[in-house]
N, C-alpha and C. Protein backbone atom coordinates (compact mmCIF):
# COMPACT_ATOMS: atom_id res chain seq x y z
N MET A 1 -2.11 74.70 65.77
CA MET A 1 -1.22 75.01 64.66
C MET A 1 -1.72 76.21 63.87
N ALA A 2 -3.02 76.43 63.87
CA ALA A 2 -3.58 77.58 63.17
C ALA A 2 -2.99 78.88 63.71
N ALA A 3 -2.56 78.85 64.99
CA ALA A 3 -2.00 80.05 65.60
C ALA A 3 -0.76 80.53 64.86
N LEU A 4 0.00 79.61 64.27
CA LEU A 4 1.20 79.97 63.53
C LEU A 4 0.85 80.85 62.34
N PHE A 5 -0.34 80.64 61.77
CA PHE A 5 -0.74 81.37 60.58
C PHE A 5 -1.88 82.36 60.85
N THR A 6 -2.09 82.70 62.12
CA THR A 6 -3.14 83.67 62.45
C THR A 6 -2.88 85.00 61.73
N GLY A 7 -3.90 85.47 61.05
CA GLY A 7 -3.76 86.72 60.31
C GLY A 7 -3.09 86.57 58.97
N LYS A 8 -2.71 85.33 58.62
CA LYS A 8 -2.04 85.08 57.34
C LYS A 8 -3.01 84.45 56.35
N VAL A 9 -2.57 84.31 55.13
CA VAL A 9 -3.37 83.70 54.07
C VAL A 9 -2.60 82.51 53.52
N LEU A 10 -3.29 81.40 53.36
CA LEU A 10 -2.72 80.24 52.68
C LEU A 10 -3.53 79.98 51.42
N MET A 11 -2.83 79.59 50.37
CA MET A 11 -3.49 79.33 49.10
C MET A 11 -3.67 77.83 48.91
N ALA A 12 -4.87 77.45 48.44
CA ALA A 12 -5.10 76.06 48.06
C ALA A 12 -4.41 75.83 46.72
N ASN A 13 -3.68 74.74 46.60
CA ASN A 13 -2.89 74.49 45.40
C ASN A 13 -3.76 74.37 44.15
N ARG A 14 -3.34 75.09 43.10
CA ARG A 14 -3.99 75.08 41.79
C ARG A 14 -5.41 75.64 41.81
N GLU A 15 -5.75 76.29 42.91
CA GLU A 15 -7.07 76.90 43.00
C GLU A 15 -6.88 78.37 43.37
N LYS A 16 -7.95 79.14 43.17
CA LYS A 16 -7.92 80.55 43.55
C LYS A 16 -8.32 80.74 45.01
N ASP A 17 -8.76 79.64 45.64
CA ASP A 17 -9.28 79.75 47.00
C ASP A 17 -8.19 80.13 47.98
N GLU A 18 -8.59 80.92 48.95
CA GLU A 18 -7.69 81.30 50.02
C GLU A 18 -8.21 80.71 51.33
N VAL A 19 -7.31 80.21 52.15
CA VAL A 19 -7.67 79.69 53.46
C VAL A 19 -7.17 80.71 54.47
N GLU A 20 -8.08 81.57 54.93
CA GLU A 20 -7.59 82.68 55.73
C GLU A 20 -8.38 82.93 57.00
N THR A 21 -9.64 82.50 57.09
CA THR A 21 -10.36 82.77 58.31
C THR A 21 -9.89 81.84 59.41
N GLU A 22 -10.09 82.24 60.65
CA GLU A 22 -9.66 81.43 61.78
C GLU A 22 -10.31 80.05 61.75
N ARG A 23 -11.59 80.02 61.38
CA ARG A 23 -12.31 78.75 61.33
C ARG A 23 -11.75 77.84 60.24
N GLU A 24 -11.50 78.41 59.06
CA GLU A 24 -10.97 77.61 57.95
C GLU A 24 -9.57 77.09 58.27
N LEU A 25 -8.74 77.95 58.85
CA LEU A 25 -7.39 77.53 59.21
C LEU A 25 -7.43 76.43 60.27
N GLY A 26 -8.34 76.60 61.23
CA GLY A 26 -8.48 75.60 62.27
C GLY A 26 -8.84 74.24 61.69
N ARG A 27 -9.78 74.25 60.75
CA ARG A 27 -10.23 73.00 60.14
C ARG A 27 -9.11 72.39 59.29
N ALA A 28 -8.31 73.21 58.65
CA ALA A 28 -7.26 72.72 57.75
C ALA A 28 -6.02 72.24 58.48
N LEU A 29 -5.73 72.84 59.64
CA LEU A 29 -4.44 72.61 60.28
C LEU A 29 -4.49 71.92 61.63
N GLU A 30 -5.58 72.06 62.38
CA GLU A 30 -5.59 71.55 63.75
C GLU A 30 -5.58 70.02 63.78
N ASN A 31 -4.95 69.49 64.84
CA ASN A 31 -4.86 68.05 65.07
C ASN A 31 -4.20 67.32 63.91
N LYS A 32 -3.25 67.98 63.29
CA LYS A 32 -2.51 67.37 62.19
C LYS A 32 -1.02 67.63 62.37
N VAL A 33 -0.23 66.72 61.83
CA VAL A 33 1.21 66.97 61.70
C VAL A 33 1.38 67.93 60.54
N LEU A 34 2.13 69.00 60.74
CA LEU A 34 2.32 70.01 59.70
C LEU A 34 3.74 69.94 59.15
N LEU A 35 3.83 69.85 57.84
CA LEU A 35 5.12 69.92 57.16
C LEU A 35 5.26 71.28 56.50
N LEU A 36 6.34 71.96 56.78
CA LEU A 36 6.67 73.19 56.07
C LEU A 36 7.76 72.83 55.07
N TYR A 37 7.43 72.90 53.79
CA TYR A 37 8.41 72.53 52.76
C TYR A 37 9.01 73.79 52.17
N PHE A 38 10.26 74.04 52.50
CA PHE A 38 11.02 75.16 51.94
C PHE A 38 11.74 74.63 50.70
N GLY A 39 11.38 75.16 49.54
CA GLY A 39 11.99 74.64 48.32
C GLY A 39 11.83 75.58 47.15
N SER A 40 12.31 75.12 46.00
CA SER A 40 12.25 75.91 44.78
C SER A 40 12.22 74.97 43.58
N GLY A 41 11.42 75.32 42.61
CA GLY A 41 11.35 74.51 41.41
C GLY A 41 12.61 74.58 40.57
N GLN A 42 13.47 75.56 40.84
CA GLN A 42 14.69 75.74 40.05
C GLN A 42 15.93 75.15 40.72
N CYS A 43 15.83 74.86 42.00
CA CYS A 43 16.97 74.31 42.74
C CYS A 43 17.21 72.86 42.33
N PRO A 44 18.43 72.51 41.88
CA PRO A 44 18.71 71.13 41.46
C PRO A 44 18.43 70.09 42.55
N ARG A 45 18.81 70.39 43.79
CA ARG A 45 18.55 69.45 44.89
C ARG A 45 17.05 69.30 45.13
N CYS A 46 16.32 70.40 45.00
CA CYS A 46 14.87 70.36 45.18
C CYS A 46 14.21 69.56 44.06
N ARG A 47 14.74 69.67 42.86
CA ARG A 47 14.16 68.92 41.73
C ARG A 47 14.35 67.42 41.93
N GLN A 48 15.41 67.05 42.63
CA GLN A 48 15.61 65.63 42.95
C GLN A 48 14.70 65.17 44.08
N PHE A 49 14.51 66.04 45.07
CA PHE A 49 13.77 65.65 46.27
C PHE A 49 12.25 65.79 46.11
N SER A 50 11.80 66.79 45.39
CA SER A 50 10.35 67.08 45.31
C SER A 50 9.52 65.88 44.85
N PRO A 51 9.95 65.12 43.84
CA PRO A 51 9.16 63.93 43.46
C PRO A 51 9.05 62.91 44.59
N LEU A 52 10.10 62.78 45.41
CA LEU A 52 10.05 61.88 46.57
C LEU A 52 9.03 62.38 47.59
N LEU A 53 9.04 63.69 47.82
CA LEU A 53 8.10 64.28 48.77
C LEU A 53 6.67 64.16 48.25
N LYS A 54 6.50 64.33 46.97
CA LYS A 54 5.17 64.18 46.36
C LYS A 54 4.64 62.77 46.58
N ASP A 55 5.48 61.77 46.31
CA ASP A 55 5.08 60.37 46.49
C ASP A 55 4.82 60.08 47.96
N PHE A 56 5.67 60.60 48.82
CA PHE A 56 5.52 60.44 50.27
C PHE A 56 4.16 60.96 50.72
N PHE A 57 3.81 62.14 50.27
CA PHE A 57 2.57 62.79 50.67
C PHE A 57 1.36 62.02 50.12
N LEU A 58 1.42 61.63 48.86
CA LEU A 58 0.30 60.90 48.25
C LEU A 58 0.06 59.57 48.94
N ARG A 59 1.12 58.89 49.31
CA ARG A 59 0.97 57.58 49.95
C ARG A 59 0.35 57.68 51.34
N LEU A 60 0.34 58.86 51.90
CA LEU A 60 -0.26 59.06 53.21
C LEU A 60 -1.64 59.72 53.14
N THR A 61 -1.98 60.30 51.99
CA THR A 61 -3.23 61.08 51.93
C THR A 61 -4.15 60.70 50.78
N ASP A 62 -3.65 60.01 49.77
CA ASP A 62 -4.47 59.71 48.59
C ASP A 62 -5.25 58.42 48.79
N GLU A 63 -6.53 58.43 48.41
CA GLU A 63 -7.38 57.26 48.63
C GLU A 63 -6.93 56.04 47.83
N PHE A 64 -6.07 56.23 46.85
CA PHE A 64 -5.53 55.09 46.10
C PHE A 64 -4.65 54.22 47.01
N TYR A 65 -4.00 54.89 47.98
CA TYR A 65 -3.06 54.19 48.86
C TYR A 65 -3.62 53.93 50.25
N VAL A 66 -4.46 54.81 50.75
CA VAL A 66 -4.93 54.69 52.13
C VAL A 66 -6.45 54.72 52.19
N GLU A 67 -6.97 53.99 53.16
CA GLU A 67 -8.43 53.98 53.36
C GLU A 67 -8.91 55.34 53.83
N ARG A 68 -8.09 55.98 54.66
CA ARG A 68 -8.44 57.30 55.18
C ARG A 68 -7.19 58.15 55.19
N ALA A 69 -7.31 59.38 54.73
CA ALA A 69 -6.15 60.27 54.67
C ALA A 69 -5.55 60.46 56.06
N SER A 70 -4.23 60.39 56.13
CA SER A 70 -3.55 60.60 57.39
C SER A 70 -3.67 62.05 57.84
N GLN A 71 -3.45 62.25 59.11
CA GLN A 71 -3.55 63.60 59.68
C GLN A 71 -2.27 64.37 59.38
N LEU A 72 -2.19 64.79 58.14
CA LEU A 72 -0.97 65.40 57.62
C LEU A 72 -1.34 66.55 56.70
N VAL A 73 -0.68 67.68 56.88
CA VAL A 73 -0.89 68.82 55.99
C VAL A 73 0.46 69.40 55.64
N LEU A 74 0.59 69.87 54.41
CA LEU A 74 1.86 70.43 53.95
C LEU A 74 1.64 71.85 53.44
N VAL A 75 2.51 72.73 53.87
CA VAL A 75 2.50 74.12 53.38
C VAL A 75 3.82 74.38 52.66
N TYR A 76 3.71 74.78 51.40
CA TYR A 76 4.89 75.07 50.59
C TYR A 76 5.33 76.51 50.85
N VAL A 77 6.59 76.65 51.25
CA VAL A 77 7.18 77.97 51.49
C VAL A 77 8.21 78.18 50.38
N SER A 78 7.84 78.99 49.42
CA SER A 78 8.59 79.07 48.17
C SER A 78 9.86 79.91 48.27
N ARG A 79 10.90 79.41 47.58
CA ARG A 79 12.08 80.22 47.31
C ARG A 79 12.23 80.44 45.81
N ASP A 80 11.13 80.28 45.10
CA ASP A 80 11.15 80.51 43.66
C ASP A 80 11.41 81.99 43.37
N GLU A 81 11.97 82.26 42.21
CA GLU A 81 12.35 83.63 41.88
C GLU A 81 11.16 84.46 41.39
N THR A 82 10.17 83.80 40.81
CA THR A 82 9.00 84.53 40.33
C THR A 82 7.73 83.79 40.73
N GLU A 83 6.62 84.51 40.70
CA GLU A 83 5.32 83.91 41.02
C GLU A 83 4.96 82.85 39.98
N GLU A 84 5.34 83.09 38.73
CA GLU A 84 5.08 82.12 37.66
C GLU A 84 5.82 80.81 37.91
N GLN A 85 7.06 80.91 38.39
CA GLN A 85 7.82 79.70 38.70
C GLN A 85 7.18 78.93 39.84
N GLN A 86 6.70 79.65 40.86
CA GLN A 86 6.03 78.99 41.97
C GLN A 86 4.77 78.27 41.48
N SER A 87 3.97 78.94 40.66
CA SER A 87 2.74 78.36 40.14
C SER A 87 3.03 77.13 39.29
N ALA A 88 4.06 77.24 38.45
CA ALA A 88 4.41 76.12 37.57
C ALA A 88 4.84 74.91 38.40
N PHE A 89 5.61 75.16 39.46
CA PHE A 89 6.05 74.06 40.31
C PHE A 89 4.87 73.40 41.02
N LEU A 90 3.97 74.23 41.59
CA LEU A 90 2.85 73.68 42.35
C LEU A 90 1.89 72.88 41.48
N LYS A 91 1.83 73.20 40.20
CA LYS A 91 0.95 72.44 39.30
C LYS A 91 1.39 70.99 39.15
N THR A 92 2.64 70.73 39.47
CA THR A 92 3.15 69.35 39.38
C THR A 92 3.05 68.61 40.72
N MET A 93 2.54 69.29 41.73
CA MET A 93 2.47 68.72 43.07
C MET A 93 1.02 68.41 43.47
N PRO A 94 0.81 67.65 44.55
CA PRO A 94 -0.56 67.26 44.95
C PRO A 94 -1.48 68.44 45.21
N LYS A 95 -2.75 68.26 44.89
CA LYS A 95 -3.73 69.33 45.07
C LYS A 95 -3.98 69.65 46.54
N ARG A 96 -3.70 68.70 47.41
CA ARG A 96 -3.94 68.93 48.84
C ARG A 96 -2.90 69.86 49.47
N TRP A 97 -1.81 70.12 48.76
CA TRP A 97 -0.80 71.02 49.32
C TRP A 97 -1.39 72.42 49.46
N LEU A 98 -0.94 73.11 50.51
CA LEU A 98 -1.23 74.53 50.68
C LEU A 98 0.06 75.30 50.41
N ALA A 99 -0.07 76.59 50.22
CA ALA A 99 1.13 77.40 49.95
C ALA A 99 0.93 78.82 50.44
N LEU A 100 2.02 79.40 50.89
CA LEU A 100 1.99 80.84 51.19
C LEU A 100 2.00 81.61 49.87
N PRO A 101 1.25 82.69 49.78
CA PRO A 101 1.30 83.51 48.57
C PRO A 101 2.74 83.95 48.28
N PHE A 102 3.06 84.08 47.01
CA PHE A 102 4.44 84.33 46.59
C PHE A 102 5.03 85.58 47.25
N ARG A 103 4.26 86.63 47.36
CA ARG A 103 4.79 87.90 47.86
C ARG A 103 4.66 88.06 49.38
N ASP A 104 4.28 87.03 50.07
CA ASP A 104 4.09 87.12 51.52
C ASP A 104 5.44 87.15 52.23
N ALA A 105 5.72 88.23 52.94
CA ALA A 105 6.98 88.38 53.67
C ALA A 105 7.09 87.40 54.84
N PHE A 106 6.00 86.76 55.19
CA PHE A 106 6.01 85.79 56.29
C PHE A 106 6.93 84.62 55.99
N LYS A 107 7.22 84.41 54.70
CA LYS A 107 8.14 83.33 54.32
C LYS A 107 9.50 83.52 54.98
N ARG A 108 9.98 84.73 54.94
CA ARG A 108 11.28 85.03 55.53
C ARG A 108 11.24 84.83 57.05
N GLU A 109 10.13 85.21 57.67
CA GLU A 109 9.98 85.04 59.11
C GLU A 109 10.02 83.56 59.49
N LEU A 110 9.40 82.72 58.67
CA LEU A 110 9.42 81.28 58.93
C LEU A 110 10.83 80.71 58.77
N GLU A 111 11.55 81.19 57.77
CA GLU A 111 12.93 80.73 57.56
C GLU A 111 13.78 81.04 58.79
N LEU A 112 13.64 82.24 59.33
CA LEU A 112 14.41 82.64 60.50
C LEU A 112 13.97 81.86 61.73
N ARG A 113 12.67 81.71 61.90
CA ARG A 113 12.13 81.04 63.07
C ARG A 113 12.60 79.59 63.17
N PHE A 114 12.67 78.91 62.01
CA PHE A 114 13.03 77.50 62.01
C PHE A 114 14.45 77.26 61.48
N ALA A 115 15.24 78.32 61.43
CA ALA A 115 16.66 78.24 61.10
C ALA A 115 16.90 77.50 59.78
N VAL A 116 16.13 77.86 58.77
CA VAL A 116 16.30 77.24 57.46
C VAL A 116 17.32 78.04 56.67
N SER A 117 18.46 77.42 56.39
CA SER A 117 19.53 78.12 55.69
C SER A 117 19.68 77.66 54.25
N GLU A 118 19.20 76.44 53.95
CA GLU A 118 19.31 75.94 52.59
C GLU A 118 18.11 75.07 52.25
N VAL A 119 17.87 74.90 50.98
CA VAL A 119 16.75 74.08 50.52
C VAL A 119 17.30 72.88 49.74
N PRO A 120 16.54 71.78 49.72
CA PRO A 120 15.22 71.60 50.33
C PRO A 120 15.30 71.41 51.83
N ALA A 121 14.24 71.83 52.52
CA ALA A 121 14.12 71.62 53.95
C ALA A 121 12.66 71.32 54.27
N VAL A 122 12.44 70.33 55.13
CA VAL A 122 11.09 69.98 55.56
C VAL A 122 11.05 70.03 57.09
N VAL A 123 10.39 71.04 57.62
CA VAL A 123 10.24 71.18 59.06
C VAL A 123 8.95 70.48 59.47
N VAL A 124 9.05 69.56 60.45
CA VAL A 124 7.89 68.79 60.91
C VAL A 124 7.45 69.34 62.26
N LEU A 125 6.17 69.72 62.35
CA LEU A 125 5.66 70.37 63.56
C LEU A 125 4.47 69.63 64.15
N LYS A 126 4.38 69.67 65.48
CA LYS A 126 3.20 69.17 66.18
C LYS A 126 2.04 70.14 65.96
N PRO A 127 0.81 69.72 66.26
CA PRO A 127 -0.32 70.65 66.15
C PRO A 127 -0.16 71.91 67.00
N ASN A 128 0.58 71.82 68.11
CA ASN A 128 0.78 73.01 68.96
C ASN A 128 1.94 73.88 68.49
N GLY A 129 2.60 73.49 67.39
CA GLY A 129 3.68 74.30 66.85
C GLY A 129 5.07 73.88 67.27
N GLU A 130 5.17 72.90 68.18
CA GLU A 130 6.49 72.43 68.60
C GLU A 130 7.14 71.63 67.46
N VAL A 131 8.46 71.75 67.38
CA VAL A 131 9.19 71.08 66.31
C VAL A 131 9.40 69.60 66.66
N ILE A 132 9.03 68.73 65.74
CA ILE A 132 9.30 67.30 65.87
C ILE A 132 10.64 66.98 65.22
N VAL A 133 10.82 67.48 63.98
CA VAL A 133 12.07 67.29 63.25
C VAL A 133 12.43 68.62 62.59
N GLY A 134 13.66 69.06 62.81
CA GLY A 134 14.10 70.35 62.24
C GLY A 134 14.21 70.31 60.73
N ASN A 135 14.68 69.19 60.18
CA ASN A 135 14.73 69.01 58.73
C ASN A 135 14.63 67.51 58.45
N ALA A 136 13.50 67.10 57.90
CA ALA A 136 13.21 65.68 57.72
C ALA A 136 13.54 65.17 56.32
N VAL A 137 14.30 65.92 55.55
CA VAL A 137 14.60 65.53 54.17
C VAL A 137 15.26 64.15 54.12
N GLU A 138 16.30 63.96 54.90
CA GLU A 138 17.01 62.67 54.87
C GLU A 138 16.15 61.54 55.43
N GLU A 139 15.36 61.84 56.44
CA GLU A 139 14.48 60.83 57.03
C GLU A 139 13.43 60.36 56.01
N ILE A 140 12.88 61.30 55.26
CA ILE A 140 11.90 60.96 54.23
C ILE A 140 12.56 60.14 53.13
N ARG A 141 13.77 60.53 52.74
CA ARG A 141 14.51 59.78 51.73
C ARG A 141 14.77 58.35 52.19
N ARG A 142 15.15 58.20 53.45
CA ARG A 142 15.58 56.90 53.97
C ARG A 142 14.40 55.99 54.32
N MET A 143 13.35 56.54 54.94
CA MET A 143 12.26 55.72 55.48
C MET A 143 10.97 55.77 54.69
N GLY A 144 10.79 56.83 53.90
CA GLY A 144 9.53 56.96 53.19
C GLY A 144 8.37 57.17 54.15
N PRO A 145 7.15 56.76 53.78
CA PRO A 145 5.96 57.01 54.61
C PRO A 145 6.02 56.42 56.01
N ALA A 146 6.91 55.44 56.23
CA ALA A 146 7.00 54.81 57.55
C ALA A 146 7.34 55.80 58.65
N CYS A 147 8.05 56.87 58.31
CA CYS A 147 8.45 57.82 59.36
C CYS A 147 7.26 58.61 59.90
N PHE A 148 6.14 58.61 59.17
CA PHE A 148 4.97 59.34 59.67
C PHE A 148 4.46 58.75 60.98
N ARG A 149 4.59 57.43 61.14
CA ARG A 149 4.14 56.80 62.38
C ARG A 149 4.87 57.39 63.59
N ASN A 150 6.18 57.63 63.43
CA ASN A 150 6.96 58.22 64.52
C ASN A 150 6.49 59.64 64.81
N TRP A 151 6.23 60.40 63.75
CA TRP A 151 5.77 61.78 63.95
C TRP A 151 4.40 61.79 64.59
N GLN A 152 3.55 60.86 64.17
CA GLN A 152 2.19 60.78 64.71
C GLN A 152 2.21 60.52 66.21
N GLU A 153 3.08 59.61 66.62
CA GLU A 153 3.20 59.32 68.05
C GLU A 153 3.76 60.52 68.80
N ALA A 154 4.76 61.17 68.23
CA ALA A 154 5.36 62.34 68.87
C ALA A 154 4.36 63.47 68.99
N ALA A 155 3.47 63.59 68.00
CA ALA A 155 2.48 64.67 68.00
C ALA A 155 1.32 64.38 68.92
N GLU A 156 1.16 63.10 69.34
CA GLU A 156 0.07 62.69 70.22
C GLU A 156 -1.28 63.13 69.66
N LEU A 157 -1.52 62.78 68.41
CA LEU A 157 -2.77 63.16 67.76
C LEU A 157 -3.95 62.43 68.42
N VAL A 158 -5.08 63.10 68.44
CA VAL A 158 -6.27 62.53 69.06
C VAL A 158 -6.77 61.32 68.28
N ASP A 159 -6.82 61.45 66.97
CA ASP A 159 -7.32 60.38 66.12
C ASP A 159 -6.14 59.64 65.50
N ARG A 160 -6.01 58.35 65.74
CA ARG A 160 -4.87 57.59 65.25
C ARG A 160 -5.24 56.66 64.11
N ASN A 161 -6.12 57.11 63.21
CA ASN A 161 -6.53 56.27 62.08
C ASN A 161 -5.53 56.37 60.95
N PHE A 162 -4.47 55.58 61.06
CA PHE A 162 -3.46 55.54 60.00
C PHE A 162 -3.42 54.13 59.46
N LEU A 163 -3.99 53.91 58.28
CA LEU A 163 -4.02 52.59 57.68
C LEU A 163 -3.53 52.66 56.24
N LEU A 164 -2.42 52.01 55.98
CA LEU A 164 -2.03 51.83 54.60
C LEU A 164 -3.02 50.88 53.95
N ALA A 165 -3.18 50.97 52.64
CA ALA A 165 -4.18 50.15 51.95
C ALA A 165 -3.96 48.67 52.23
N GLU A 166 -2.69 48.22 52.22
CA GLU A 166 -2.43 46.81 52.45
C GLU A 166 -2.76 46.42 53.89
N ASP A 167 -2.54 47.33 54.84
CA ASP A 167 -2.89 47.04 56.22
C ASP A 167 -4.40 46.91 56.36
N PHE A 168 -5.13 47.77 55.66
CA PHE A 168 -6.59 47.72 55.71
C PHE A 168 -7.11 46.41 55.14
N ASP A 169 -6.49 45.95 54.04
CA ASP A 169 -6.90 44.68 53.44
C ASP A 169 -6.68 43.54 54.42
N ASN A 170 -5.52 43.55 55.09
CA ASN A 170 -5.22 42.51 56.07
C ASN A 170 -6.21 42.53 57.21
N GLN A 171 -6.55 43.74 57.65
CA GLN A 171 -7.49 43.86 58.75
C GLN A 171 -8.86 43.36 58.33
N THR A 172 -9.24 43.67 57.09
CA THR A 172 -10.54 43.22 56.58
C THR A 172 -10.60 41.70 56.54
N ARG A 173 -9.50 41.09 56.06
CA ARG A 173 -9.47 39.62 56.00
C ARG A 173 -9.57 39.01 57.38
N ARG A 174 -8.91 39.62 58.35
CA ARG A 174 -8.98 39.10 59.71
C ARG A 174 -10.37 39.28 60.30
N SER A 175 -10.98 40.43 60.01
CA SER A 175 -12.26 40.75 60.63
C SER A 175 -13.40 39.91 60.09
N ILE A 176 -13.23 39.30 58.90
CA ILE A 176 -14.28 38.46 58.33
C ILE A 176 -14.59 37.29 59.25
N THR A 177 -13.58 36.76 59.93
CA THR A 177 -13.78 35.60 60.80
C THR A 177 -14.21 35.99 62.21
N ASP A 178 -14.14 37.27 62.52
CA ASP A 178 -14.48 37.70 63.88
C ASP A 178 -15.91 37.33 64.28
N PRO A 179 -16.92 37.60 63.45
CA PRO A 179 -18.29 37.24 63.84
C PRO A 179 -18.44 35.74 64.06
N ILE A 180 -17.75 34.93 63.24
CA ILE A 180 -17.84 33.46 63.38
C ILE A 180 -17.24 33.03 64.71
N ARG A 181 -16.06 33.63 65.03
CA ARG A 181 -15.44 33.28 66.30
C ARG A 181 -16.32 33.70 67.47
N ARG A 182 -16.93 34.87 67.36
CA ARG A 182 -17.80 35.35 68.43
C ARG A 182 -19.03 34.45 68.58
N LEU A 183 -19.58 33.99 67.44
CA LEU A 183 -20.75 33.11 67.46
C LEU A 183 -20.42 31.79 68.14
N LYS A 184 -19.24 31.22 67.78
CA LYS A 184 -18.81 29.97 68.39
C LYS A 184 -18.65 30.15 69.90
N TYR A 185 -18.09 31.29 70.27
CA TYR A 185 -17.89 31.57 71.69
C TYR A 185 -19.22 31.64 72.42
N GLU A 186 -20.19 32.35 71.80
CA GLU A 186 -21.50 32.48 72.42
C GLU A 186 -22.18 31.12 72.54
N LEU A 187 -22.10 30.28 71.49
CA LEU A 187 -22.70 28.95 71.52
C LEU A 187 -22.08 28.09 72.61
N LYS A 188 -20.76 28.15 72.69
CA LYS A 188 -20.04 27.39 73.70
C LYS A 188 -20.43 27.84 75.09
N LYS A 189 -20.53 29.16 75.25
CA LYS A 189 -20.88 29.74 76.54
C LYS A 189 -22.29 29.31 76.93
N THR A 190 -23.24 29.35 75.96
CA THR A 190 -24.63 28.97 76.23
C THR A 190 -24.73 27.50 76.61
N THR A 191 -24.01 26.66 75.88
CA THR A 191 -24.02 25.22 76.17
C THR A 191 -23.48 24.94 77.56
N GLU A 192 -22.41 25.59 77.91
CA GLU A 192 -21.82 25.40 79.24
C GLU A 192 -22.79 25.84 80.34
N GLU A 193 -23.48 26.94 80.10
CA GLU A 193 -24.43 27.44 81.09
C GLU A 193 -25.59 26.46 81.27
N LYS A 194 -26.08 25.90 80.14
CA LYS A 194 -27.19 24.94 80.22
C LYS A 194 -26.77 23.68 80.96
N ASN A 195 -25.56 23.20 80.66
CA ASN A 195 -25.05 22.01 81.34
C ASN A 195 -24.92 22.25 82.84
N LYS A 196 -24.48 23.46 83.18
CA LYS A 196 -24.32 23.81 84.58
C LYS A 196 -25.67 23.82 85.28
N GLU A 197 -26.70 24.37 84.60
CA GLU A 197 -28.04 24.43 85.17
C GLU A 197 -28.60 23.03 85.38
N LYS A 198 -28.42 22.14 84.37
CA LYS A 198 -28.90 20.76 84.49
C LYS A 198 -28.24 20.05 85.67
N LYS A 199 -26.93 20.30 85.79
CA LYS A 199 -26.19 19.67 86.87
C LYS A 199 -26.71 20.11 88.21
N GLU A 200 -26.98 21.45 88.33
CA GLU A 200 -27.49 21.99 89.57
C GLU A 200 -28.88 21.45 89.87
N GLU A 201 -29.74 21.30 88.83
CA GLU A 201 -31.08 20.76 89.02
C GLU A 201 -31.02 19.32 89.48
N GLY A 202 -30.07 18.54 88.88
CA GLY A 202 -29.90 17.14 89.27
C GLY A 202 -29.48 17.00 90.71
N GLU A 203 -28.60 17.91 91.15
CA GLU A 203 -28.14 17.85 92.54
C GLU A 203 -29.25 18.20 93.51
N GLU A 204 -30.14 19.14 93.09
CA GLU A 204 -31.23 19.53 93.96
C GLU A 204 -32.27 18.42 94.10
N SER A 205 -32.57 17.72 92.98
CA SER A 205 -33.56 16.64 93.01
C SER A 205 -33.11 15.42 93.80
N SER A 206 -31.78 15.23 93.84
CA SER A 206 -31.26 14.11 94.62
C SER A 206 -31.14 14.50 96.08
C-alpha cells in the first residue's frame, strides 16, 4: 500500500510530523486495510457522517474498545476550502488519522483514480492497493465496526488479531478453565497408562 503514496507526504493528525520516507510509509500502511476518506468539514452530509466514522475508527483502534488495534489505517483526503478549515476539522478527529497536506495536488489524482464524484466517500483498499469497496459510507452506517471483519478477510491480512473488548473478556473467561481441563486430561491419561501397565504385568506373571 505504501506504493500508492511513494514520493508523497502524509501528515500525522494534530502533529507537525510528516510520514514520508519509504520505511515510515511501509510501517504505517503495509499489511493494513486502508480507508481513504474524501470529505469536508463544511459539507452538511460530511458533518452527519464524520462522527459515525470517528466512532467506527475508534472502536477498531482505541485501547478502550479493543485489546489490540485492528490493522486499519485512515487517510483523510480533504475537500475543505482552506487549510485552516482542514486543520479545524482534523482536530475533532482521532489522532491516529493521517492526512494529505492541504495543497497536495495528489488529492485530485486520487479522486480521479477512485472515481470519487461526491463526498462523503470512503474507499476501502487492500494492502496491495486493490479496491475492496468503492464507497463504504452506507456499509459503515448500516453495520458499524462489524464490516471490518469482511474487509479483513477480503484483504487476506497476515495477522488476524481482531478482538473487540467484549470478545477478549469472553475469551479470557473461557481460557481460565483451560489449564484445569488440561490437568484433568493429563491425570486421566496417566491413570489409564498405569492401569494398562499393571494389567500387562499381571498377564505376564500369569
